[in-house]
Amino acid sequence: MLLHFPIIVMLGMFLVASYPLNLVVMFIFYLAGVVDLTYSKLPLYRQRIWNSFGPETISMRRREAYYRGYKRIAFGGALNLLMLVHYSM
């Protein structure tokens, strides 16, 4: 993963520099993350458990979607910060 970091940074800077595309990509990452989180917590919502923190209450089968959702939201947030830095200069 460490070897891929410069490639990811260059891709991020390319996405930040292309104006309408960066908003679409950021929105897609945020939306995909929320969909993954909702999918992972769906059995809890069916049991009327609305507030639960951490993956302890989530079944092992759906924990991967839980972590993937937060990773996608974090990547969307990183893109959002890159856009903020790029357009504030």
PDB file of N, CA and C in Angstrom:
ATOM      1  N   MET A   1       0.821  -1.194   0.000  1.00  0.00           N
ATOM      2  CA  MET A   1       0.000   0.000   0.000  1.00  0.00           C
ATOM      3  C   MET A   1       0.861   1.252   0.000  1.00  0.00           C
ATOM      4  N   LEU A   2       2.005   1.192   0.672  1.00  0.00           N
ATOM      5  CA  LEU A   2       2.871   2.361   0.750  1.00  0.00           C
ATOM      6  C   LEU A   2       3.433   2.726  -0.623  1.00  0.00           C
ATOM      7  N   LEU A   3       3.676   1.728  -1.458  1.00  0.00           N
ATOM      8  CA  LEU A   3       4.195   1.998  -2.796  1.00  0.00           C
ATOM      9  C   LEU A   3       3.155   2.651  -3.691  1.00  0.00           C
ATOM     10  N   HIS A   4       1.888   2.472  -3.376  1.00  0.00           N
ATOM     11  CA  HIS A   4       0.818   3.044  -4.192  1.00  0.00           C
ATOM     12  C   HIS A   4       0.489   4.478  -3.785  1.00  0.00           C
ATOM     13  N   PHE A   5       1.048   4.941  -2.677  1.00  0.00           N
ATOM     14  CA  PHE A   5       0.703   6.261  -2.169  1.00  0.00           C
ATOM     15  C   PHE A   5       0.979   7.388  -3.168  1.00  0.00           C
ATOM     16  N   PRO A   6       2.152   7.440  -3.846  1.00  0.00           N
ATOM     17  CA  PRO A   6       2.354   8.532  -4.823  1.00  0.00           C
ATOM     18  C   PRO A   6       1.361   8.489  -5.988  1.00  0.00           C
ATOM     19  N   ILE A   7       0.990   7.299  -6.406  1.00  0.00           N
ATOM     20  CA  ILE A   7       0.024   7.176  -7.497  1.00  0.00           C
ATOM     21  C   ILE A   7      -1.340   7.680  -7.041  1.00  0.00           C
ATOM     22  N   ILE A   8      -1.707   7.349  -5.812  1.00  0.00           N
ATOM     23  CA  ILE A   8      -2.995   7.803  -5.281  1.00  0.00           C
ATOM     24  C   ILE A   8      -3.012   9.314  -5.139  1.00  0.00           C
ATOM     25  N   VAL A   9      -1.898   9.886  -4.692  1.00  0.00           N
ATOM     26  CA  VAL A   9      -1.824  11.346  -4.552  1.00  0.00           C
ATOM     27  C   VAL A   9      -1.927  12.021  -5.914  1.00  0.00           C
ATOM     28  N   MET A  10      -1.251  11.497  -6.909  1.00  0.00           N
ATOM     29  CA  MET A  10      -1.323  12.084  -8.257  1.00  0.00           C
ATOM     30  C   MET A  10      -2.736  11.967  -8.822  1.00  0.00           C
ATOM     31  N   LEU A  11      -3.378  10.832  -8.620  1.00  0.00           N
ATOM     32  CA  LEU A  11      -4.753  10.667  -9.081  1.00  0.00           C
ATOM     33  C   LEU A  11      -5.676  11.638  -8.352  1.00  0.00           C
ATOM     34  N   GLY A  12      -5.442  11.813  -7.054  1.00  0.00           N
ATOM     35  CA  GLY A  12      -6.243  12.761  -6.289  1.00  0.00           C
ATOM     36  C   GLY A  12      -6.069  14.182  -6.782  1.00  0.00           C
ATOM     37  N   MET A  13      -4.843  14.577  -7.086  1.00  0.00           N
ATOM     38  CA  MET A  13      -4.607  15.929  -7.589  1.00  0.00           C
ATOM     39  C   MET A  13      -5.229  16.118  -8.976  1.00  0.00           C
ATOM     40  N   PHE A  14      -5.222  15.078  -9.794  1.00  0.00           N
ATOM     41  CA  PHE A  14      -5.887  15.167 -11.091  1.00  0.00           C
ATOM     42  C   PHE A  14      -7.388  15.356 -10.913  1.00  0.00           C
ATOM     43  N   LEU A  15      -7.964  14.595  -9.988  1.00  0.00           N
ATOM     44  CA  LEU A  15      -9.396  14.730  -9.756  1.00  0.00           C
ATOM     45  C   LEU A  15      -9.754  16.092  -9.174  1.00  0.00           C
ATOM     46  N   VAL A  16      -8.874  16.624  -8.341  1.00  0.00           N
ATOM     47  CA  VAL A  16      -9.131  17.933  -7.746  1.00  0.00           C
ATOM     48  C   VAL A  16      -9.083  19.019  -8.805  1.00  0.00           C
ATOM     49  N   ALA A  17      -8.182  18.883  -9.754  1.00  0.00           N
ATOM     50  CA  ALA A  17      -8.006  19.922 -10.767  1.00  0.00           C
ATOM     51  C   ALA A  17      -9.119  19.933 -11.809  1.00  0.00           C
ATOM     52  N   SER A  18      -9.793  18.829 -12.021  1.00  0.00           N
ATOM     53  CA  SER A  18     -10.865  18.791 -13.017  1.00  0.00           C
ATOM     54  C   SER A  18     -12.195  19.061 -12.310  1.00  0.00           C
ATOM     55  N   TYR A  19     -12.724  20.268 -12.498  1.00  0.00           N
ATOM     56  CA  TYR A  19     -13.797  20.785 -11.649  1.00  0.00           C
ATOM     57  C   TYR A  19     -15.076  19.958 -11.593  1.00  0.00           C
ATOM     58  N   PRO A  20     -15.826  19.726 -12.650  1.00  0.00           N
ATOM     59  CA  PRO A  20     -17.099  19.034 -12.396  1.00  0.00           C
ATOM     60  C   PRO A  20     -16.913  17.566 -12.042  1.00  0.00           C
ATOM     61  N   LEU A  21     -15.830  16.965 -12.513  1.00  0.00           N
ATOM     62  CA  LEU A  21     -15.599  15.550 -12.256  1.00  0.00           C
ATOM     63  C   LEU A  21     -15.317  15.296 -10.777  1.00  0.00           C
ATOM     64  N   ASN A  22     -14.616  16.212 -10.118  1.00  0.00           N
ATOM     65  CA  ASN A  22     -14.264  15.976  -8.721  1.00  0.00           C
ATOM     66  C   ASN A  22     -15.489  15.975  -7.807  1.00  0.00           C
ATOM     67  N   LEU A  23     -16.451  16.793  -8.090  1.00  0.00           N
ATOM     68  CA  LEU A  23     -17.670  16.791  -7.277  1.00  0.00           C
ATOM     69  C   LEU A  23     -18.452  15.499  -7.456  1.00  0.00           C
ATOM     70  N   VAL A  24     -18.492  15.007  -8.678  1.00  0.00           N
ATOM     71  CA  VAL A  24     -19.219  13.765  -8.955  1.00  0.00           C
ATOM     72  C   VAL A  24     -18.537  12.589  -8.266  1.00  0.00           C
ATOM     73  N   VAL A  25     -17.206  12.514  -8.373  1.00  0.00           N
ATOM     74  CA  VAL A  25     -16.470  11.402  -7.761  1.00  0.00           C
ATOM     75  C   VAL A  25     -16.599  11.455  -6.239  1.00  0.00           C
ATOM     76  N   MET A  26     -16.506  12.655  -5.670  1.00  0.00           N
ATOM     77  CA  MET A  26     -16.638  12.795  -4.225  1.00  0.00           C
ATOM     78  C   MET A  26     -18.034  12.367  -3.768  1.00  0.00           C
ATOM     79  N   PHE A  27     -19.052  12.776  -4.484  1.00  0.00           N
ATOM     80  CA  PHE A  27     -20.421  12.400  -4.145  1.00  0.00           C
ATOM     81  C   PHE A  27     -20.625  10.891  -4.253  1.00  0.00           C
ATOM     82  N   ILE A  28     -20.027  10.274  -5.269  1.00  0.00           N
ATOM     83  CA  ILE A  28     -20.154   8.823  -5.449  1.00  0.00           C
ATOM     84  C   ILE A  28     -19.505   8.082  -4.286  1.00  0.00           C
ATOM     85  N   PHE A  29     -18.317   8.540  -3.847  1.00  0.00           N
ATOM     86  CA  PHE A  29     -17.669   7.886  -2.712  1.00  0.00           C
ATOM     87  C   PHE A  29     -18.483   8.044  -1.435  1.00  0.00           C
ATOM     88  N   TYR A  30     -18.998   9.243  -1.184  1.00  0.00           N
ATOM     89  CA  TYR A  30     -19.834   9.441  -0.007  1.00  0.00           C
ATOM     90  C   TYR A  30     -21.083   8.564  -0.063  1.00  0.00           C
ATOM     91  N   LEU A  31     -21.736   8.543  -1.199  1.00  0.00           N
ATOM     92  CA  LEU A  31     -22.967   7.770  -1.348  1.00  0.00           C
ATOM     93  C   LEU A  31     -22.704   6.272  -1.208  1.00  0.00           C
ATOM     94  N   ALA A  32     -21.630   5.780  -1.812  1.00  0.00           N
ATOM     95  CA  ALA A  32     -21.301   4.351  -1.707  1.00  0.00           C
ATOM     96  C   ALA A  32     -20.969   3.982  -0.267  1.00  0.00           C
ATOM     97  N   GLY A  33     -20.302   4.872   0.451  1.00  0.00           N
ATOM     98  CA  GLY A  33     -20.005   4.612   1.854  1.00  0.00           C
ATOM     99  C   GLY A  33     -21.252   4.542   2.707  1.00  0.00           C
ATOM    100  N   VAL A  34     -22.183   5.447   2.467  1.00  0.00           N
ATOM    101  CA  VAL A  34     -23.432   5.434   3.238  1.00  0.00           C
ATOM    102  C   VAL A  34     -24.260   4.192   2.903  1.00  0.00           C
ATOM    103  N   VAL A  35     -24.253   3.790   1.645  1.00  0.00           N
ATOM    104  CA  VAL A  35     -24.979   2.571   1.258  1.00  0.00           C
ATOM    105  C   VAL A  35     -24.357   1.356   1.934  1.00  0.00           C
ATOM    106  N   ASP A  36     -23.023   1.271   1.987  1.00  0.00           N
ATOM    107  CA  ASP A  36     -22.366   0.153   2.666  1.00  0.00           C
ATOM    108  C   ASP A  36     -22.674   0.141   4.156  1.00  0.00           C
ATOM    109  N   LEU A  37     -22.652   1.307   4.783  1.00  0.00           N
ATOM    110  CA  LEU A  37     -22.970   1.365   6.207  1.00  0.00           C
ATOM    111  C   LEU A  37     -24.415   0.959   6.473  1.00  0.00           C
ATOM    112  N   THR A  38     -25.320   1.413   5.627  1.00  0.00           N
ATOM    113  CA  THR A  38     -26.725   1.047   5.796  1.00  0.00           C
ATOM    114  C   THR A  38     -26.916  -0.450   5.598  1.00  0.00           C
ATOM    115  N   TYR A  39     -26.242  -1.014   4.606  1.00  0.00           N
ATOM    116  CA  TYR A  39     -26.338  -2.456   4.363  1.00  0.00           C
ATOM    117  C   TYR A  39     -25.803  -3.249   5.554  1.00  0.00           C
ATOM    118  N   SER A  40     -24.706  -2.787   6.134  1.00  0.00           N
ATOM    119  CA  SER A  40     -24.121  -3.543   7.238  1.00  0.00           C
ATOM    120  C   SER A  40     -24.969  -3.457   8.498  1.00  0.00           C
ATOM    121  N   LYS A  41     -25.690  -2.371   8.681  1.00  0.00           N
ATOM    122  CA  LYS A  41     -26.498  -2.201   9.885  1.00  0.00           C
ATOM    123  C   LYS A  41     -27.977  -2.542   9.667  1.00  0.00           C
ATOM    124  N   LEU A  42     -28.335  -3.037   8.529  1.00  0.00           N
ATOM    125  CA  LEU A  42     -29.730  -3.347   8.237  1.00  0.00           C
ATOM    126  C   LEU A  42     -30.362  -4.332   9.228  1.00  0.00           C
ATOM    127  N   PRO A  43     -29.683  -5.420   9.624  1.00  0.00           N
ATOM    128  CA  PRO A  43     -30.310  -6.297  10.624  1.00  0.00           C
ATOM    129  C   PRO A  43     -30.567  -5.593  11.960  1.00  0.00           C
ATOM    130  N   LEU A  44     -29.706  -4.650  12.326  1.00  0.00           N
ATOM    131  CA  LEU A  44     -29.924  -3.908  13.565  1.00  0.00           C
ATOM    132  C   LEU A  44     -31.132  -2.995  13.435  1.00  0.00           C
ATOM    133  N   TYR A  45     -31.294  -2.378  12.272  1.00  0.00           N
ATOM    134  CA  TYR A  45     -32.455  -1.509  12.064  1.00  0.00           C
ATOM    135  C   TYR A  45     -33.747  -2.311  12.109  1.00  0.00           C
ATOM    136  N   ARG A  46     -33.700  -3.549  11.618  1.00  0.00           N
ATOM    137  CA  ARG A  46     -34.894  -4.394  11.667  1.00  0.00           C
ATOM    138  C   ARG A  46     -35.251  -4.779  13.096  1.00  0.00           C
ATOM    139  N   GLN A  47     -34.253  -4.841  13.981  1.00  0.00           N
ATOM    140  CA  GLN A  47     -34.506  -5.134  15.393  1.00  0.00           C
ATOM    141  C   GLN A  47     -34.791  -3.861  16.193  1.00  0.00           C
ATOM    142  N   ARG A  48     -34.928  -2.748  15.495  1.00  0.00           N
ATOM    143  CA  ARG A  48     -35.202  -1.438  16.091  1.00  0.00           C
ATOM    144  C   ARG A  48     -34.082  -0.948  16.997  1.00  0.00           C
ATOM    145  N   ILE A  49     -32.848  -1.275  16.626  1.00  0.00           N
ATOM    146  CA  ILE A  49     -31.672  -0.733  17.308  1.00  0.00           C
ATOM    147  C   ILE A  49     -31.142   0.376  16.418  1.00  0.00           C
ATOM    148  N   TRP A  50     -31.416   1.618  16.774  1.00  0.00           N
ATOM    149  CA  TRP A  50     -31.073   2.740  15.912  1.00  0.00           C
ATOM    150  C   TRP A  50     -29.675   3.282  16.199  1.00  0.00           C
ATOM    151  N   ASN A  51     -29.248   3.235  17.448  1.00  0.00           N
ATOM    152  CA  ASN A  51     -27.938   3.761  17.806  1.00  0.00           C
ATOM    153  C   ASN A  51     -27.047   2.630  18.286  1.00  0.00           C
ATOM    154  N   SER A  52     -26.015   2.354  17.531  1.00  0.00           N
ATOM    155  CA  SER A  52     -25.007   1.381  17.950  1.00  0.00           C
ATOM    156  C   SER A  52     -23.673   1.868  17.410  1.00  0.00           C
ATOM    157  N   PHE A  53     -22.672   1.804  18.244  1.00  0.00           N
ATOM    158  CA  PHE A  53     -21.358   2.311  17.860  1.00  0.00           C
ATOM    159  C   PHE A  53     -20.362   1.168  17.821  1.00  0.00           C
ATOM    160  N   GLY A  54     -19.589   1.122  16.770  1.00  0.00           N
ATOM    161  CA  GLY A  54     -18.596   0.069  16.627  1.00  0.00           C
ATOM    162  C   GLY A  54     -19.160  -1.169  15.966  1.00  0.00           C
ATOM    163  N   PRO A  55     -18.274  -2.070  15.551  1.00  0.00           N
ATOM    164  CA  PRO A  55     -18.709  -3.265  14.821  1.00  0.00           C
ATOM    165  C   PRO A  55     -19.091  -4.448  15.717  1.00  0.00           C
ATOM    166  N   GLU A  56     -19.127  -4.264  17.037  1.00  0.00           N
ATOM    167  CA  GLU A  56     -19.397  -5.410  17.912  1.00  0.00           C
ATOM    168  C   GLU A  56     -20.787  -5.991  17.695  1.00  0.00           C
ATOM    169  N   THR A  57     -21.759  -5.140  17.427  1.00  0.00           N
ATOM    170  CA  THR A  57     -23.132  -5.628  17.288  1.00  0.00           C
ATOM    171  C   THR A  57     -23.451  -6.100  15.871  1.00  0.00           C
ATOM    172  N   ILE A  58     -22.541  -5.902  14.949  1.00  0.00           N
ATOM    173  CA  ILE A  58     -22.763  -6.290  13.553  1.00  0.00           C
ATOM    174  C   ILE A  58     -22.260  -7.718  13.351  1.00  0.00           C
ATOM    175  N   SER A  59     -22.985  -8.496  12.581  1.00  0.00           N
ATOM    176  CA  SER A  59     -22.578  -9.880  12.331  1.00  0.00           C
ATOM    177  C   SER A  59     -21.264  -9.913  11.555  1.00  0.00           C
ATOM    178  N   MET A  60     -20.553 -10.999  11.694  1.00  0.00           N
ATOM    179  CA  MET A  60     -19.242 -11.140  11.042  1.00  0.00           C
ATOM    180  C   MET A  60     -19.367 -11.060   9.521  1.00  0.00           C
ATOM    181  N   ARG A  61     -20.500 -11.494   9.001  1.00  0.00           N
ATOM    182  CA  ARG A  61     -20.701 -11.480   7.548  1.00  0.00           C
ATOM    183  C   ARG A  61     -20.757 -10.057   7.004  1.00  0.00           C
ATOM    184  N   ARG A  62     -21.274  -9.135   7.801  1.00  0.00           N
ATOM    185  CA  ARG A  62     -21.480  -7.766   7.313  1.00  0.00           C
ATOM    186  C   ARG A  62     -20.438  -6.786   7.812  1.00  0.00           C
ATOM    187  N   ARG A  63     -19.487  -7.240   8.596  1.00  0.00           N
ATOM    188  CA  ARG A  63     -18.453  -6.326   9.092  1.00  0.00           C
ATOM    189  C   ARG A  63     -17.569  -5.794   7.977  1.00  0.00           C
ATOM    190  N   GLU A  64     -17.347  -6.594   6.974  1.00  0.00           N
ATOM    191  CA  GLU A  64     -16.520  -6.138   5.846  1.00  0.00           C
ATOM    192  C   GLU A  64     -17.172  -4.941   5.161  1.00  0.00           C
ATOM    193  N   ALA A  65     -18.470  -4.975   4.992  1.00  0.00           N
ATOM    194  CA  ALA A  65     -19.186  -3.838   4.399  1.00  0.00           C
ATOM    195  C   ALA A  65     -19.117  -2.624   5.316  1.00  0.00           C
ATOM    196  N   TYR A  66     -19.136  -2.855   6.617  1.00  0.00           N
ATOM    197  CA  TYR A  66     -19.035  -1.767   7.596  1.00  0.00           C
ATOM    198  C   TYR A  66     -17.697  -1.044   7.448  1.00  0.00           C
ATOM    199  N   TYR A  67     -16.601  -1.809   7.427  1.00  0.00           N
ATOM    200  CA  TYR A  67     -15.279  -1.201   7.281  1.00  0.00           C
ATOM    201  C   TYR A  67     -15.110  -0.552   5.905  1.00  0.00           C
ATOM    202  N   ARG A  68     -15.619  -1.216   4.869  1.00  0.00           N
ATOM    203  CA  ARG A  68     -15.518  -0.669   3.514  1.00  0.00           C
ATOM    204  C   ARG A  68     -16.280   0.650   3.401  1.00  0.00           C
ATOM    205  N   GLY A  69     -17.416   0.744   4.075  1.00  0.00           N
ATOM    206  CA  GLY A  69     -18.191   1.987   4.059  1.00  0.00           C
ATOM    207  C   GLY A  69     -17.421   3.136   4.676  1.00  0.00           C
ATOM    208  N   TYR A  70     -16.792   2.892   5.819  1.00  0.00           N
ATOM    209  CA  TYR A  70     -16.015   3.957   6.438  1.00  0.00           C
ATOM    210  C   TYR A  70     -14.777   4.318   5.631  1.00  0.00           C
ATOM    211  N   LYS A  71     -14.183   3.337   4.958  1.00  0.00           N
ATOM    212  CA  LYS A  71     -13.031   3.639   4.097  1.00  0.00           C
ATOM    213  C   LYS A  71     -13.447   4.530   2.927  1.00  0.00           C
ATOM    214  N   ARG A  72     -14.609   4.241   2.351  1.00  0.00           N
ATOM    215  CA  ARG A  72     -15.082   5.059   1.233  1.00  0.00           C
ATOM    216  C   ARG A  72     -15.436   6.474   1.682  1.00  0.00           C
ATOM    217  N   ILE A  73     -16.038   6.597   2.851  1.00  0.00           N
ATOM    218  CA  ILE A  73     -16.349   7.928   3.363  1.00  0.00           C
ATOM    219  C   ILE A  73     -15.064   8.689   3.664  1.00  0.00           C
ATOM    220  N   ALA A  74     -14.055   8.000   4.201  1.00  0.00           N
ATOM    221  CA  ALA A  74     -12.771   8.653   4.480  1.00  0.00           C
ATOM    222  C   ALA A  74     -12.090   9.093   3.191  1.00  0.00           C
ATOM    223  N   PHE A  75     -12.167   8.276   2.144  1.00  0.00           N
ATOM    224  CA  PHE A  75     -11.566   8.668   0.870  1.00  0.00           C
ATOM    225  C   PHE A  75     -12.303   9.864   0.271  1.00  0.00           C
ATOM    226  N   GLY A  76     -13.615   9.880   0.388  1.00  0.00           N
ATOM    227  CA  GLY A  76     -14.377  11.042  -0.076  1.00  0.00           C
ATOM    228  C   GLY A  76     -14.019  12.287   0.717  1.00  0.00           C
ATOM    229  N   GLY A  77     -13.809  12.130   2.027  1.00  0.00           N
ATOM    230  CA  GLY A  77     -13.391  13.256   2.854  1.00  0.00           C
ATOM    231  C   GLY A  77     -12.005  13.756   2.482  1.00  0.00           C
ATOM    232  N   ALA A  78     -11.096  12.838   2.166  1.00  0.00           N
ATOM    233  CA  ALA A  78      -9.757  13.240   1.726  1.00  0.00           C
ATOM    234  C   ALA A  78      -9.834  14.014   0.412  1.00  0.00           C
ATOM    235  N   LEU A  79     -10.672  13.561  -0.500  1.00  0.00           N
ATOM    236  CA  LEU A  79     -10.862  14.307  -1.751  1.00  0.00           C
ATOM    237  C   LEU A  79     -11.458  15.683  -1.477  1.00  0.00           C
ATOM    238  N   ASN A  80     -12.371  15.744  -0.537  1.00  0.00           N
ATOM    239  CA  ASN A  80     -12.980  17.013  -0.173  1.00  0.00           C
ATOM    240  C   ASN A  80     -11.930  17.972   0.391  1.00  0.00           C
ATOM    241  N   LEU A  81     -11.035  17.481   1.235  1.00  0.00           N
ATOM    242  CA  LEU A  81      -9.963  18.320   1.785  1.00  0.00           C
ATOM    243  C   LEU A  81      -8.979  18.756   0.705  1.00  0.00           C
ATOM    244  N   LEU A  82      -8.664  17.844  -0.213  1.00  0.00           N
ATOM    245  CA  LEU A  82      -7.785  18.224  -1.320  1.00  0.00           C
ATOM    246  C   LEU A  82      -8.412  19.324  -2.167  1.00  0.00           C
ATOM    247  N   MET A  83      -9.714  19.224  -2.414  1.00  0.00           N
ATOM    248  CA  MET A  83     -10.401  20.280  -3.168  1.00  0.00           C
ATOM    249  C   MET A  83     -10.363  21.596  -2.419  1.00  0.00           C
ATOM    250  N   LEU A  84     -10.567  21.540  -1.118  1.00  0.00           N
ATOM    251  CA  LEU A  84     -10.552  22.751  -0.309  1.00  0.00           C
ATOM    252  C   LEU A  84      -9.192  23.431  -0.358  1.00  0.00           C
ATOM    253  N   VAL A  85      -8.128  22.653  -0.244  1.00  0.00           N
ATOM    254  CA  VAL A  85      -6.786  23.219  -0.305  1.00  0.00           C
ATOM    255  C   VAL A  85      -6.488  23.759  -1.710  1.00  0.00           C
ATOM    256  N   HIS A  86      -6.898  23.022  -2.724  1.00  0.00           N
ATOM    257  CA  HIS A  86      -6.592  23.424  -4.094  1.00  0.00           C
ATOM    258  C   HIS A  86      -7.312  24.723  -4.469  1.00  0.00           C
ATOM    259  N   TYR A  87      -8.569  24.846  -4.135  1.00  0.00           N
ATOM    260  CA  TYR A  87      -9.336  26.011  -4.561  1.00  0.00           C
ATOM    261  C   TYR A  87      -9.172  27.200  -3.616  1.00  0.00           C
ATOM    262  N   SER A  88      -8.571  27.011  -2.456  1.00  0.00           N
ATOM    263  CA  SER A  88      -8.354  28.142  -1.573  1.00  0.00           C
ATOM    264  C   SER A  88      -7.081  28.903  -1.933  1.00  0.00           C
ATOM    265  N   MET A  89      -6.257  28.328  -2.781  1.00  0.00           N
ATOM    266  CA  MET A  89      -5.000  28.997  -3.157  1.00  0.00           C
ATOM    267  C   MET A  89      -5.201  29.913  -4.344  1.00  0.00           C
TER     268      MET A  89
END
